[in-house]
């Protein structure tokens, strides 16, 4: 099982194999589903995996399943490309209004399930913009599975 940790940092500066970018749907192109990967160019990472998180609509519109699939699809792409370390931002909580408590639980559950038995990914980082988000992630990561 890969190591998983939460940190407070600028995701663009992390020296990991891939960072995840929470993209707006149009930027993935017409008809794109799930996630896509591009080179990271001048960033510290080698790749950027782009995903579109769901907009919070009260929690009864399948938002948890959609958010779960964002994380799962990113891990799948990372495995396909031999990526050994990946950093995730807090997806959908900003302008998409997903509550941080719920988003954190979904993120950790999805990534934990997706990396179970992996032979490729050795490190997962949840990169938080705020110390409040960091506290949520650390609390969930410390809970027994």
C-alpha atoms as a PDB file:
ATOM      1  CA  UNK A   1       0.000   0.000   0.000  1.00  0.00           C
ATOM      2  CA  UNK A   2       1.397   3.410  -0.945  1.00  0.00           C
ATOM      3  CA  UNK A   3       2.067   6.039   1.673  1.00  0.00           C
ATOM      4  CA  UNK A   4      -0.661   8.673   1.870  1.00  0.00           C
ATOM      5  CA  UNK A   5      -0.245  12.051   3.496  1.00  0.00           C
ATOM      6  CA  UNK A   6      -1.820  15.481   3.537  1.00  0.00           C
ATOM      7  CA  UNK A   7       0.256  18.637   3.334  1.00  0.00           C
ATOM      8  CA  UNK A   8      -0.275  22.395   3.044  1.00  0.00           C
ATOM      9  CA  UNK A   9       1.667  23.521  -0.019  1.00  0.00           C
ATOM     10  CA  UNK A  10       1.545  24.860  -3.556  1.00  0.00           C
ATOM     11  CA  UNK A  11       0.819  21.751  -5.629  1.00  0.00           C
ATOM     12  CA  UNK A  12       2.611  23.264  -8.630  1.00  0.00           C
ATOM     13  CA  UNK A  13       5.929  23.136  -6.760  1.00  0.00           C
ATOM     14  CA  UNK A  14       5.778  19.516  -5.597  1.00  0.00           C
ATOM     15  CA  UNK A  15       8.493  17.215  -6.984  1.00  0.00           C
ATOM     16  CA  UNK A  16       6.156  14.289  -7.742  1.00  0.00           C
ATOM     17  CA  UNK A  17       5.708  12.329 -10.947  1.00  0.00           C
ATOM     18  CA  UNK A  18       2.199  13.766 -11.481  1.00  0.00           C
ATOM     19  CA  UNK A  19      -0.047  16.428 -10.061  1.00  0.00           C
ATOM     20  CA  UNK A  20      -3.784  16.489 -10.553  1.00  0.00           C
ATOM     21  CA  UNK A  21      -5.501  19.609 -11.804  1.00  0.00           C
ATOM     22  CA  UNK A  22      -9.186  20.167 -11.142  1.00  0.00           C
ATOM     23  CA  UNK A  23     -10.173  21.403 -14.586  1.00  0.00           C
ATOM     24  CA  UNK A  24     -13.278  23.058 -15.934  1.00  0.00           C
ATOM     25  CA  UNK A  25     -15.117  20.666 -18.253  1.00  0.00           C
ATOM     26  CA  UNK A  26     -14.588  22.664 -21.482  1.00  0.00           C
ATOM     27  CA  UNK A  27     -10.808  22.557 -21.032  1.00  0.00           C
ATOM     28  CA  UNK A  28     -10.822  18.755 -21.402  1.00  0.00           C
ATOM     29  CA  UNK A  29     -12.314  19.042 -24.845  1.00  0.00           C
ATOM     30  CA  UNK A  30     -15.642  18.091 -26.329  1.00  0.00           C
ATOM     31  CA  UNK A  31     -17.057  14.819 -25.043  1.00  0.00           C
ATOM     32  CA  UNK A  32     -14.151  14.108 -22.678  1.00  0.00           C
ATOM     33  CA  UNK A  33     -14.990  11.920 -19.704  1.00  0.00           C
ATOM     34  CA  UNK A  34     -12.988  11.041 -16.640  1.00  0.00           C
ATOM     35  CA  UNK A  35      -9.448  12.353 -16.727  1.00  0.00           C
ATOM     36  CA  UNK A  36      -6.693  13.101 -19.203  1.00  0.00           C
ATOM     37  CA  UNK A  37      -2.906  13.465 -18.911  1.00  0.00           C
ATOM     38  CA  UNK A  38      -0.515  16.041 -20.339  1.00  0.00           C
ATOM     39  CA  UNK A  39       3.152  16.935 -19.829  1.00  0.00           C
ATOM     40  CA  UNK A  40       3.784  19.313 -16.911  1.00  0.00           C
ATOM     41  CA  UNK A  41       6.237  21.456 -18.888  1.00  0.00           C
ATOM     42  CA  UNK A  42       7.979  23.871 -16.478  1.00  0.00           C
ATOM     43  CA  UNK A  43       6.482  22.504 -13.258  1.00  0.00           C
ATOM     44  CA  UNK A  44       8.360  20.272 -10.811  1.00  0.00           C
ATOM     45  CA  UNK A  45       6.150  17.298 -11.766  1.00  0.00           C
ATOM     46  CA  UNK A  46       6.510  15.327 -14.983  1.00  0.00           C
ATOM     47  CA  UNK A  47       2.788  15.135 -15.779  1.00  0.00           C
ATOM     48  CA  UNK A  48      -0.514  16.821 -15.053  1.00  0.00           C
ATOM     49  CA  UNK A  49      -3.628  14.696 -14.829  1.00  0.00           C
ATOM     50  CA  UNK A  50      -6.695  16.830 -15.511  1.00  0.00           C
ATOM     51  CA  UNK A  51     -10.083  15.890 -14.056  1.00  0.00           C
ATOM     52  CA  UNK A  52     -13.456  17.585 -13.716  1.00  0.00           C
ATOM     53  CA  UNK A  53     -15.066  17.411 -10.293  1.00  0.00           C
ATOM     54  CA  UNK A  54     -18.802  17.614  -9.736  1.00  0.00           C
ATOM     55  CA  UNK A  55     -20.697  20.737  -8.768  1.00  0.00           C
ATOM     56  CA  UNK A  56     -22.375  20.338  -5.358  1.00  0.00           C
ATOM     57  CA  UNK A  57     -26.153  20.333  -5.753  1.00  0.00           C
ATOM     58  CA  UNK A  58     -27.152  19.330  -2.237  1.00  0.00           C
ATOM     59  CA  UNK A  59     -25.730  15.813  -2.212  1.00  0.00           C
ATOM     60  CA  UNK A  60     -28.676  13.988  -3.774  1.00  0.00           C
ATOM     61  CA  UNK A  61     -27.576  14.213  -7.420  1.00  0.00           C
ATOM     62  CA  UNK A  62     -24.849  11.567  -7.371  1.00  0.00           C
ATOM     63  CA  UNK A  63     -22.115  14.029  -6.453  1.00  0.00           C
ATOM     64  CA  UNK A  64     -20.274  11.553  -4.194  1.00  0.00           C
ATOM     65  CA  UNK A  65     -20.154   8.925  -6.943  1.00  0.00           C
ATOM     66  CA  UNK A  66     -18.920  11.487  -9.459  1.00  0.00           C
ATOM     67  CA  UNK A  67     -16.224  12.777  -7.120  1.00  0.00           C
ATOM     68  CA  UNK A  68     -15.179   9.211  -6.280  1.00  0.00           C
ATOM     69  CA  UNK A  69     -14.795   8.462  -9.994  1.00  0.00           C
ATOM     70  CA  UNK A  70     -12.569  11.545 -10.455  1.00  0.00           C
ATOM     71  CA  UNK A  71     -10.044  10.181  -7.972  1.00  0.00           C
ATOM     72  CA  UNK A  72     -10.368   6.595  -9.243  1.00  0.00           C
ATOM     73  CA  UNK A  73      -9.852   7.665 -12.873  1.00  0.00           C
ATOM     74  CA  UNK A  74      -6.762   9.715 -11.953  1.00  0.00           C
ATOM     75  CA  UNK A  75      -5.217   6.727 -10.173  1.00  0.00           C
ATOM     76  CA  UNK A  76      -6.029   4.524 -13.176  1.00  0.00           C
ATOM     77  CA  UNK A  77      -4.288   6.920 -15.578  1.00  0.00           C
ATOM     78  CA  UNK A  78      -1.321   7.194 -13.221  1.00  0.00           C
ATOM     79  CA  UNK A  79      -0.959   3.403 -13.157  1.00  0.00           C
ATOM     80  CA  UNK A  80      -1.231   3.190 -16.948  1.00  0.00           C
ATOM     81  CA  UNK A  81       1.631   5.679 -17.283  1.00  0.00           C
ATOM     82  CA  UNK A  82       3.874   4.131 -14.616  1.00  0.00           C
ATOM     83  CA  UNK A  83       3.559   7.125 -12.299  1.00  0.00           C
ATOM     84  CA  UNK A  84       5.071   6.363  -8.906  1.00  0.00           C
ATOM     85  CA  UNK A  85       3.953   9.474  -6.998  1.00  0.00           C
ATOM     86  CA  UNK A  86       0.869  11.639  -7.374  1.00  0.00           C
ATOM     87  CA  UNK A  87      -0.469  14.762  -5.667  1.00  0.00           C
ATOM     88  CA  UNK A  88      -4.142  15.690  -5.564  1.00  0.00           C
ATOM     89  CA  UNK A  89      -5.652  19.098  -4.870  1.00  0.00           C
ATOM     90  CA  UNK A  90      -8.903  19.384  -2.946  1.00  0.00           C
ATOM     91  CA  UNK A  91     -11.300  18.726  -5.853  1.00  0.00           C
ATOM     92  CA  UNK A  92     -14.706  20.439  -6.178  1.00  0.00           C
ATOM     93  CA  UNK A  93     -14.673  22.348  -2.886  1.00  0.00           C
ATOM     94  CA  UNK A  94     -13.831  25.758  -4.316  1.00  0.00           C
ATOM     95  CA  UNK A  95     -16.113  27.257  -6.932  1.00  0.00           C
ATOM     96  CA  UNK A  96     -18.030  23.948  -7.190  1.00  0.00           C
ATOM     97  CA  UNK A  97     -19.149  24.315  -3.520  1.00  0.00           C
ATOM     98  CA  UNK A  98     -18.612  20.693  -2.423  1.00  0.00           C
ATOM     99  CA  UNK A  99     -18.486  20.672   1.408  1.00  0.00           C
ATOM    100  CA  UNK A 100     -14.935  19.946   2.583  1.00  0.00           C
ATOM    101  CA  UNK A 101     -15.919  17.322   5.169  1.00  0.00           C
ATOM    102  CA  UNK A 102     -17.778  15.216   2.625  1.00  0.00           C
ATOM    103  CA  UNK A 103     -15.212  15.801  -0.120  1.00  0.00           C
ATOM    104  CA  UNK A 104     -12.363  14.684   2.140  1.00  0.00           C
ATOM    105  CA  UNK A 105     -14.095  11.421   3.080  1.00  0.00           C
ATOM    106  CA  UNK A 106     -14.808  10.639  -0.577  1.00  0.00           C
ATOM    107  CA  UNK A 107     -11.272  11.507  -1.671  1.00  0.00           C
ATOM    108  CA  UNK A 108      -9.535   9.345   0.910  1.00  0.00           C
ATOM    109  CA  UNK A 109     -11.930   6.415   0.393  1.00  0.00           C
ATOM    110  CA  UNK A 110     -11.602   6.556  -3.393  1.00  0.00           C
ATOM    111  CA  UNK A 111      -7.820   6.777  -3.422  1.00  0.00           C
ATOM    112  CA  UNK A 112      -7.434   4.094  -0.745  1.00  0.00           C
ATOM    113  CA  UNK A 113      -9.568   1.691  -2.767  1.00  0.00           C
ATOM    114  CA  UNK A 114      -7.929   2.582  -6.087  1.00  0.00           C
ATOM    115  CA  UNK A 115      -4.349   2.051  -4.888  1.00  0.00           C
ATOM    116  CA  UNK A 116      -5.016  -1.174  -3.015  1.00  0.00           C
ATOM    117  CA  UNK A 117      -2.649  -3.758  -4.435  1.00  0.00           C
ATOM    118  CA  UNK A 118      -0.830  -1.287  -6.683  1.00  0.00           C
ATOM    119  CA  UNK A 119       2.691  -2.128  -7.715  1.00  0.00           C
ATOM    120  CA  UNK A 120       3.268   1.230  -9.402  1.00  0.00           C
ATOM    121  CA  UNK A 121       2.162   4.051  -7.112  1.00  0.00           C
ATOM    122  CA  UNK A 122       4.260   4.408  -3.983  1.00  0.00           C
ATOM    123  CA  UNK A 123       3.198   7.837  -2.738  1.00  0.00           C
ATOM    124  CA  UNK A 124      -0.052   9.803  -2.693  1.00  0.00           C
ATOM    125  CA  UNK A 125      -0.191  13.380  -1.441  1.00  0.00           C
ATOM    126  CA  UNK A 126      -3.352  15.346  -0.743  1.00  0.00           C
ATOM    127  CA  UNK A 127      -2.215  18.928  -1.213  1.00  0.00           C
ATOM    128  CA  UNK A 128      -4.347  21.438   0.659  1.00  0.00           C
ATOM    129  CA  UNK A 129      -4.564  25.177  -0.033  1.00  0.00           C
ATOM    130  CA  UNK A 130      -5.640  26.022   3.492  1.00  0.00           C
ATOM    131  CA  UNK A 131      -4.766  24.835   6.967  1.00  0.00           C
ATOM    132  CA  UNK A 132      -8.474  24.179   7.589  1.00  0.00           C
ATOM    133  CA  UNK A 133      -8.586  21.768   4.626  1.00  0.00           C
ATOM    134  CA  UNK A 134      -5.379  20.165   5.877  1.00  0.00           C
ATOM    135  CA  UNK A 135      -6.968  19.524   9.269  1.00  0.00           C
ATOM    136  CA  UNK A 136      -9.891  17.714   7.608  1.00  0.00           C
ATOM    137  CA  UNK A 137      -7.581  15.516   5.540  1.00  0.00           C
ATOM    138  CA  UNK A 138      -5.322  14.651   8.454  1.00  0.00           C
ATOM    139  CA  UNK A 139      -8.311  13.714  10.604  1.00  0.00           C
ATOM    140  CA  UNK A 140      -9.704  11.380   7.936  1.00  0.00           C
ATOM    141  CA  UNK A 141      -6.304   9.866   7.148  1.00  0.00           C
ATOM    142  CA  UNK A 142      -5.766   9.066  10.838  1.00  0.00           C
ATOM    143  CA  UNK A 143      -9.066   7.157  11.116  1.00  0.00           C
ATOM    144  CA  UNK A 144      -8.780   3.365  10.994  1.00  0.00           C
ATOM    145  CA  UNK A 145      -9.994   1.868   7.716  1.00  0.00           C
END
